[in-house]
Amino acid sequence: MKQKIAAPLPAALACGMLLDGNRALFLVKKDEKGNETLSLPCTLIYAGENPAGAAVGALGAQAGIDAQEQGVMMQARHNVGSRKRKTFVPVLVFKMGAKNTCIRLSGDFSGYKWLEEKEAARCKFSKECGWLITVLKR
């Protein structure tokens, strides 16, 4: 009988939050039906990777912004498993700064929005940013 080889679990989810005053940058994805979901630039990191460097790299790859990490802004938990078998990993959200915020989106995203905390709490988030719902409602 063959055994299933499980993929290695990520060590954490690293996100970059680019702030402009009291607004944060959210990337917009549209599905086939036209429904919009918001997401932060984020990436799963594995053991031995630098989370701050991964967050800066995700912001560069997904939004085309050359940013600098300015420290951990918040922490949370994210389910990388299924609804039935939950596997939680820590989420590290890094505050980002950039001299030039000219955004060049990757092909995965249809647009971007600068939203305040109250506006973002009313929006629908992607699976990677589902943890943000509980953080914003506190």
N, C-alpha and C. Protein backbone atom coordinates (compact mmCIF):
# COMPACT_ATOMS: atom_id res chain seq x y z
N MET A 1 0.84 -1.18 0.00
CA MET A 1 0.00 0.00 0.00
C MET A 1 0.88 1.24 0.00
N LYS A 2 0.57 2.17 -0.87
CA LYS A 2 1.36 3.39 -0.95
C LYS A 2 0.98 4.34 0.17
N GLN A 3 1.99 4.99 0.71
CA GLN A 3 1.74 6.00 1.72
C GLN A 3 1.71 7.36 1.05
N LYS A 4 0.83 8.21 1.54
CA LYS A 4 0.77 9.57 1.03
C LYS A 4 1.91 10.37 1.64
N ILE A 5 2.61 11.08 0.81
CA ILE A 5 3.68 11.94 1.30
C ILE A 5 3.10 13.34 1.45
N ALA A 6 3.10 13.81 2.67
CA ALA A 6 2.52 15.12 2.94
C ALA A 6 3.51 16.22 2.57
N ALA A 7 2.98 17.29 2.06
CA ALA A 7 3.82 18.45 1.76
C ALA A 7 4.28 19.07 3.07
N PRO A 8 5.46 19.65 3.09
CA PRO A 8 5.92 20.27 4.34
C PRO A 8 5.03 21.44 4.73
N LEU A 9 4.77 21.54 6.02
CA LEU A 9 3.94 22.63 6.52
C LEU A 9 4.74 23.92 6.56
N PRO A 10 4.10 25.03 6.22
CA PRO A 10 4.81 26.30 6.33
C PRO A 10 5.02 26.67 7.79
N ALA A 11 6.05 27.46 8.04
CA ALA A 11 6.35 27.90 9.40
C ALA A 11 5.50 29.09 9.79
N ALA A 12 5.16 29.95 8.82
CA ALA A 12 4.38 31.15 9.11
C ALA A 12 3.87 31.75 7.81
N LEU A 13 3.00 32.74 7.96
CA LEU A 13 2.51 33.54 6.85
C LEU A 13 3.05 34.95 7.08
N ALA A 14 3.81 35.46 6.13
CA ALA A 14 4.39 36.80 6.26
C ALA A 14 3.63 37.76 5.34
N CYS A 15 3.15 38.86 5.92
CA CYS A 15 2.39 39.86 5.16
C CYS A 15 3.05 41.22 5.29
N GLY A 16 2.89 42.02 4.27
CA GLY A 16 3.40 43.38 4.30
C GLY A 16 2.24 44.36 4.23
N MET A 17 2.15 45.27 5.19
CA MET A 17 1.10 46.28 5.19
C MET A 17 1.73 47.63 4.91
N LEU A 18 1.48 48.13 3.72
CA LEU A 18 2.00 49.44 3.31
C LEU A 18 0.99 50.49 3.73
N LEU A 19 1.41 51.42 4.56
CA LEU A 19 0.52 52.44 5.09
C LEU A 19 0.79 53.78 4.43
N ASP A 20 -0.29 54.53 4.20
CA ASP A 20 -0.22 55.89 3.70
C ASP A 20 -1.13 56.72 4.59
N GLY A 21 -0.54 57.33 5.61
CA GLY A 21 -1.36 58.02 6.61
C GLY A 21 -2.09 56.98 7.43
N ASN A 22 -3.43 57.02 7.40
CA ASN A 22 -4.21 56.03 8.14
C ASN A 22 -4.85 55.01 7.21
N ARG A 23 -4.40 54.95 5.96
CA ARG A 23 -4.93 53.99 5.00
C ARG A 23 -3.89 52.92 4.69
N ALA A 24 -4.37 51.71 4.39
CA ALA A 24 -3.48 50.59 4.06
C ALA A 24 -3.78 50.12 2.63
N LEU A 25 -2.77 49.58 1.99
CA LEU A 25 -2.90 49.07 0.63
C LEU A 25 -3.46 47.65 0.65
N PHE A 26 -4.55 47.43 -0.07
CA PHE A 26 -5.14 46.11 -0.25
C PHE A 26 -5.18 45.80 -1.74
N LEU A 27 -4.85 44.58 -2.10
CA LEU A 27 -4.90 44.14 -3.49
C LEU A 27 -6.25 43.48 -3.74
N VAL A 28 -6.82 43.70 -4.92
CA VAL A 28 -8.17 43.22 -5.25
C VAL A 28 -8.07 42.08 -6.25
N LYS A 29 -8.77 40.99 -5.94
CA LYS A 29 -8.91 39.85 -6.87
C LYS A 29 -10.38 39.74 -7.24
N LYS A 30 -10.65 39.44 -8.50
CA LYS A 30 -12.03 39.18 -8.94
C LYS A 30 -12.12 37.74 -9.40
N ASP A 31 -13.20 37.05 -8.97
CA ASP A 31 -13.40 35.68 -9.42
C ASP A 31 -14.22 35.66 -10.71
N GLU A 32 -14.61 34.47 -11.15
CA GLU A 32 -15.34 34.33 -12.41
C GLU A 32 -16.69 35.05 -12.38
N LYS A 33 -17.30 35.13 -11.22
CA LYS A 33 -18.61 35.77 -11.09
C LYS A 33 -18.52 37.28 -10.91
N GLY A 34 -17.31 37.80 -10.79
CA GLY A 34 -17.14 39.25 -10.61
C GLY A 34 -17.10 39.69 -9.17
N ASN A 35 -17.08 38.75 -8.23
CA ASN A 35 -17.00 39.10 -6.82
C ASN A 35 -15.58 39.53 -6.47
N GLU A 36 -15.48 40.62 -5.73
CA GLU A 36 -14.17 41.14 -5.32
C GLU A 36 -13.79 40.62 -3.94
N THR A 37 -12.54 40.22 -3.79
CA THR A 37 -11.98 39.90 -2.48
C THR A 37 -10.70 40.69 -2.32
N LEU A 38 -10.46 41.13 -1.09
CA LEU A 38 -9.27 41.91 -0.78
C LEU A 38 -8.20 41.01 -0.18
N SER A 39 -6.96 41.40 -0.40
CA SER A 39 -5.83 40.64 0.11
C SER A 39 -4.69 41.59 0.40
N LEU A 40 -3.89 41.23 1.38
CA LEU A 40 -2.63 41.93 1.62
C LEU A 40 -1.54 41.20 0.85
N PRO A 41 -0.48 41.88 0.45
CA PRO A 41 0.65 41.16 -0.15
C PRO A 41 1.25 40.21 0.89
N CYS A 42 1.14 38.90 0.65
CA CYS A 42 1.62 37.94 1.65
C CYS A 42 2.17 36.69 0.97
N THR A 43 2.94 35.94 1.73
CA THR A 43 3.52 34.70 1.24
C THR A 43 3.73 33.74 2.40
N LEU A 44 3.61 32.44 2.11
CA LEU A 44 3.91 31.42 3.12
C LEU A 44 5.42 31.24 3.19
N ILE A 45 5.94 31.16 4.40
CA ILE A 45 7.38 30.95 4.56
C ILE A 45 7.60 29.62 5.27
N TYR A 46 8.72 29.00 4.98
CA TYR A 46 9.06 27.71 5.54
C TYR A 46 10.25 27.85 6.46
N ALA A 47 10.59 26.80 7.17
CA ALA A 47 11.67 26.84 8.15
C ALA A 47 12.97 27.31 7.49
N GLY A 48 13.64 28.21 8.15
CA GLY A 48 14.92 28.72 7.66
C GLY A 48 14.83 29.96 6.80
N GLU A 49 13.63 30.39 6.44
CA GLU A 49 13.48 31.59 5.62
C GLU A 49 13.34 32.82 6.51
N ASN A 50 13.73 33.96 5.98
CA ASN A 50 13.62 35.23 6.68
C ASN A 50 12.22 35.81 6.44
N PRO A 51 11.38 35.94 7.49
CA PRO A 51 10.02 36.43 7.27
C PRO A 51 9.96 37.88 6.79
N ALA A 52 10.84 38.73 7.29
CA ALA A 52 10.83 40.13 6.86
C ALA A 52 11.21 40.25 5.39
N GLY A 53 12.22 39.50 4.99
CA GLY A 53 12.63 39.51 3.59
C GLY A 53 11.56 38.94 2.68
N ALA A 54 10.85 37.93 3.16
CA ALA A 54 9.77 37.33 2.37
C ALA A 54 8.62 38.31 2.20
N ALA A 55 8.30 39.09 3.24
CA ALA A 55 7.23 40.09 3.15
C ALA A 55 7.60 41.20 2.17
N VAL A 56 8.85 41.65 2.21
CA VAL A 56 9.32 42.67 1.27
C VAL A 56 9.28 42.12 -0.15
N GLY A 57 9.70 40.86 -0.32
CA GLY A 57 9.66 40.23 -1.63
C GLY A 57 8.25 40.06 -2.16
N ALA A 58 7.30 39.73 -1.29
CA ALA A 58 5.91 39.57 -1.70
C ALA A 58 5.32 40.90 -2.15
N LEU A 59 5.65 41.97 -1.45
CA LEU A 59 5.15 43.29 -1.84
C LEU A 59 5.74 43.70 -3.19
N GLY A 60 7.00 43.37 -3.40
CA GLY A 60 7.62 43.67 -4.69
C GLY A 60 7.05 42.84 -5.82
N ALA A 61 6.83 41.56 -5.58
CA ALA A 61 6.34 40.66 -6.63
C ALA A 61 4.87 40.90 -6.95
N GLN A 62 4.04 41.17 -5.94
CA GLN A 62 2.61 41.28 -6.15
C GLN A 62 2.15 42.69 -6.49
N ALA A 63 2.83 43.71 -5.95
CA ALA A 63 2.41 45.09 -6.20
C ALA A 63 3.46 45.91 -6.93
N GLY A 64 4.65 45.36 -7.11
CA GLY A 64 5.69 46.08 -7.84
C GLY A 64 6.26 47.26 -7.09
N ILE A 65 6.24 47.22 -5.76
CA ILE A 65 6.73 48.33 -4.95
C ILE A 65 8.01 47.92 -4.25
N ASP A 66 9.03 48.76 -4.34
CA ASP A 66 10.28 48.55 -3.63
C ASP A 66 10.10 49.14 -2.23
N ALA A 67 9.94 48.28 -1.24
CA ALA A 67 9.61 48.74 0.12
C ALA A 67 10.69 48.33 1.11
N GLN A 68 10.65 48.97 2.26
CA GLN A 68 11.53 48.63 3.37
C GLN A 68 10.68 48.22 4.55
N GLU A 69 11.12 47.19 5.24
CA GLU A 69 10.41 46.68 6.42
C GLU A 69 10.73 47.58 7.61
N GLN A 70 9.69 47.93 8.40
CA GLN A 70 9.86 48.83 9.54
C GLN A 70 9.46 48.18 10.86
N GLY A 71 9.41 46.87 10.91
CA GLY A 71 9.09 46.18 12.16
C GLY A 71 7.76 45.46 12.10
N VAL A 72 7.56 44.57 13.07
CA VAL A 72 6.32 43.80 13.14
C VAL A 72 5.20 44.70 13.66
N MET A 73 4.10 44.74 12.91
CA MET A 73 2.98 45.60 13.26
C MET A 73 1.94 44.84 14.09
N MET A 74 1.66 43.59 13.72
CA MET A 74 0.70 42.78 14.46
C MET A 74 0.97 41.31 14.20
N GLN A 75 0.39 40.47 15.05
CA GLN A 75 0.51 39.02 14.92
C GLN A 75 -0.87 38.40 15.03
N ALA A 76 -1.06 37.28 14.34
CA ALA A 76 -2.34 36.56 14.39
C ALA A 76 -2.07 35.10 14.06
N ARG A 77 -3.17 34.33 13.80
CA ARG A 77 -3.06 32.93 13.41
C ARG A 77 -3.83 32.72 12.11
N HIS A 78 -3.32 31.80 11.28
CA HIS A 78 -3.95 31.51 9.99
C HIS A 78 -4.07 30.00 9.82
N ASN A 79 -5.21 29.54 9.33
CA ASN A 79 -5.45 28.12 9.09
C ASN A 79 -4.93 27.75 7.70
N VAL A 80 -3.86 26.95 7.66
CA VAL A 80 -3.34 26.47 6.37
C VAL A 80 -3.88 25.09 6.03
N GLY A 81 -4.63 24.51 6.94
CA GLY A 81 -5.23 23.20 6.70
C GLY A 81 -6.61 23.36 6.09
N SER A 82 -7.42 22.33 6.27
CA SER A 82 -8.78 22.37 5.75
C SER A 82 -9.74 22.73 6.88
N ARG A 83 -11.01 22.83 6.53
CA ARG A 83 -12.00 23.11 7.58
C ARG A 83 -12.09 21.95 8.56
N LYS A 84 -11.89 20.73 8.03
CA LYS A 84 -11.98 19.55 8.87
C LYS A 84 -10.73 19.37 9.73
N ARG A 85 -9.57 19.50 9.11
CA ARG A 85 -8.30 19.33 9.82
C ARG A 85 -7.57 20.66 9.85
N LYS A 86 -7.83 21.41 10.85
CA LYS A 86 -7.25 22.75 10.97
C LYS A 86 -5.79 22.66 11.40
N THR A 87 -4.96 23.40 10.73
CA THR A 87 -3.55 23.51 11.08
C THR A 87 -3.23 25.00 11.09
N PHE A 88 -2.96 25.53 12.25
CA PHE A 88 -2.73 26.96 12.38
C PHE A 88 -1.24 27.28 12.37
N VAL A 89 -0.89 28.35 11.68
CA VAL A 89 0.48 28.87 11.68
C VAL A 89 0.41 30.34 12.08
N PRO A 90 1.49 30.88 12.64
CA PRO A 90 1.47 32.30 13.00
C PRO A 90 1.50 33.20 11.76
N VAL A 91 0.89 34.36 11.90
CA VAL A 91 0.92 35.39 10.86
C VAL A 91 1.73 36.55 11.40
N LEU A 92 2.69 37.00 10.64
CA LEU A 92 3.49 38.17 10.99
C LEU A 92 3.19 39.26 9.97
N VAL A 93 2.64 40.37 10.44
CA VAL A 93 2.33 41.50 9.57
C VAL A 93 3.39 42.57 9.81
N PHE A 94 4.14 42.87 8.77
CA PHE A 94 5.21 43.85 8.88
C PHE A 94 4.73 45.19 8.35
N LYS A 95 5.05 46.24 9.09
CA LYS A 95 4.78 47.60 8.62
C LYS A 95 5.82 47.91 7.56
N MET A 96 5.36 48.42 6.42
CA MET A 96 6.25 48.70 5.30
C MET A 96 6.27 50.19 5.00
N GLY A 97 7.38 50.64 4.51
CA GLY A 97 7.52 52.01 4.06
C GLY A 97 8.12 52.02 2.67
N ALA A 98 7.73 53.00 1.86
CA ALA A 98 8.25 53.09 0.50
C ALA A 98 8.32 54.56 0.10
N LYS A 99 9.39 54.91 -0.59
CA LYS A 99 9.52 56.28 -1.08
C LYS A 99 8.58 56.51 -2.26
N ASN A 100 8.48 55.53 -3.14
CA ASN A 100 7.65 55.64 -4.33
C ASN A 100 6.58 54.56 -4.27
N THR A 101 5.32 54.95 -4.22
CA THR A 101 4.23 53.97 -4.12
C THR A 101 3.51 53.80 -5.45
N CYS A 102 4.23 53.91 -6.54
CA CYS A 102 3.66 53.65 -7.86
C CYS A 102 3.44 52.13 -7.97
N ILE A 103 2.19 51.73 -8.15
CA ILE A 103 1.83 50.31 -8.07
C ILE A 103 1.76 49.69 -9.46
N ARG A 104 2.47 48.57 -9.64
CA ARG A 104 2.45 47.78 -10.87
C ARG A 104 2.04 46.36 -10.46
N LEU A 105 0.76 46.06 -10.62
CA LEU A 105 0.21 44.79 -10.15
C LEU A 105 0.67 43.60 -10.98
N SER A 106 0.79 42.45 -10.31
CA SER A 106 1.04 41.21 -11.03
C SER A 106 -0.27 40.75 -11.67
N GLY A 107 -0.21 39.75 -12.51
CA GLY A 107 -1.38 39.28 -13.23
C GLY A 107 -2.45 38.63 -12.36
N ASP A 108 -2.11 38.29 -11.12
CA ASP A 108 -3.07 37.64 -10.23
C ASP A 108 -4.14 38.59 -9.72
N PHE A 109 -3.89 39.88 -9.78
CA PHE A 109 -4.78 40.86 -9.17
C PHE A 109 -5.39 41.76 -10.23
N SER A 110 -6.63 42.21 -9.96
CA SER A 110 -7.33 43.06 -10.92
C SER A 110 -7.26 44.53 -10.55
N GLY A 111 -6.83 44.84 -9.34
CA GLY A 111 -6.76 46.24 -8.92
C GLY A 111 -6.24 46.35 -7.51
N TYR A 112 -6.33 47.56 -6.97
CA TYR A 112 -5.90 47.81 -5.59
C TYR A 112 -6.77 48.89 -4.99
N LYS A 113 -6.79 48.93 -3.66
CA LYS A 113 -7.56 49.95 -2.93
C LYS A 113 -6.76 50.39 -1.73
N TRP A 114 -6.84 51.68 -1.44
CA TRP A 114 -6.30 52.23 -0.20
C TRP A 114 -7.49 52.39 0.74
N LEU A 115 -7.55 51.62 1.82
CA LEU A 115 -8.70 51.63 2.72
C LEU A 115 -8.30 51.93 4.15
N GLU A 116 -9.19 52.63 4.85
CA GLU A 116 -9.03 52.81 6.29
C GLU A 116 -9.55 51.57 7.00
N GLU A 117 -9.29 51.48 8.29
CA GLU A 117 -9.67 50.30 9.06
C GLU A 117 -11.17 50.07 9.05
N LYS A 118 -11.97 51.13 9.20
CA LYS A 118 -13.43 50.98 9.23
C LYS A 118 -13.96 50.50 7.88
N GLU A 119 -13.41 51.03 6.80
CA GLU A 119 -13.85 50.61 5.46
C GLU A 119 -13.46 49.16 5.19
N ALA A 120 -12.27 48.78 5.61
CA ALA A 120 -11.79 47.42 5.37
C ALA A 120 -12.59 46.39 6.15
N ALA A 121 -13.10 46.76 7.32
CA ALA A 121 -13.87 45.82 8.14
C ALA A 121 -15.16 45.39 7.45
N ARG A 122 -15.66 46.18 6.51
CA ARG A 122 -16.91 45.86 5.81
C ARG A 122 -16.68 45.05 4.54
N CYS A 123 -15.45 44.81 4.16
CA CYS A 123 -15.14 44.14 2.89
C CYS A 123 -14.94 42.64 3.08
N LYS A 124 -14.95 41.92 1.96
CA LYS A 124 -14.71 40.47 1.97
C LYS A 124 -13.24 40.23 1.67
N PHE A 125 -12.61 39.33 2.45
CA PHE A 125 -11.19 39.06 2.30
C PHE A 125 -10.96 37.69 1.68
N SER A 126 -9.80 37.52 1.06
CA SER A 126 -9.42 36.24 0.48
C SER A 126 -9.07 35.25 1.59
N LYS A 127 -8.88 33.99 1.24
CA LYS A 127 -8.58 32.96 2.24
C LYS A 127 -7.30 33.26 2.99
N GLU A 128 -6.28 33.80 2.29
CA GLU A 128 -5.02 34.10 2.96
C GLU A 128 -5.18 35.18 4.03
N CYS A 129 -6.17 36.03 3.87
CA CYS A 129 -6.37 37.14 4.81
C CYS A 129 -7.63 36.97 5.65
N GLY A 130 -8.12 35.74 5.78
CA GLY A 130 -9.29 35.49 6.61
C GLY A 130 -9.06 35.84 8.07
N TRP A 131 -7.83 35.74 8.54
CA TRP A 131 -7.48 36.09 9.91
C TRP A 131 -7.69 37.58 10.17
N LEU A 132 -7.65 38.40 9.11
CA LEU A 132 -7.78 39.84 9.27
C LEU A 132 -9.17 40.25 9.72
N ILE A 133 -10.17 39.44 9.43
CA ILE A 133 -11.55 39.73 9.84
C ILE A 133 -11.63 39.79 11.36
N THR A 134 -11.04 38.82 12.04
CA THR A 134 -11.10 38.81 13.51
C THR A 134 -10.28 39.94 14.11
N VAL A 135 -9.18 40.32 13.46
CA VAL A 135 -8.35 41.41 13.97
C VAL A 135 -9.09 42.74 13.86
N LEU A 136 -9.78 42.97 12.74
CA LEU A 136 -10.47 44.25 12.53
C LEU A 136 -11.72 44.40 13.38
N LYS A 137 -12.33 43.29 13.80
CA LYS A 137 -13.56 43.37 14.58
C LYS A 137 -13.31 43.49 16.07
N ARG A 138 -12.04 43.52 16.49
CA ARG A 138 -11.74 43.66 17.91
C ARG A 138 -11.96 45.06 18.37
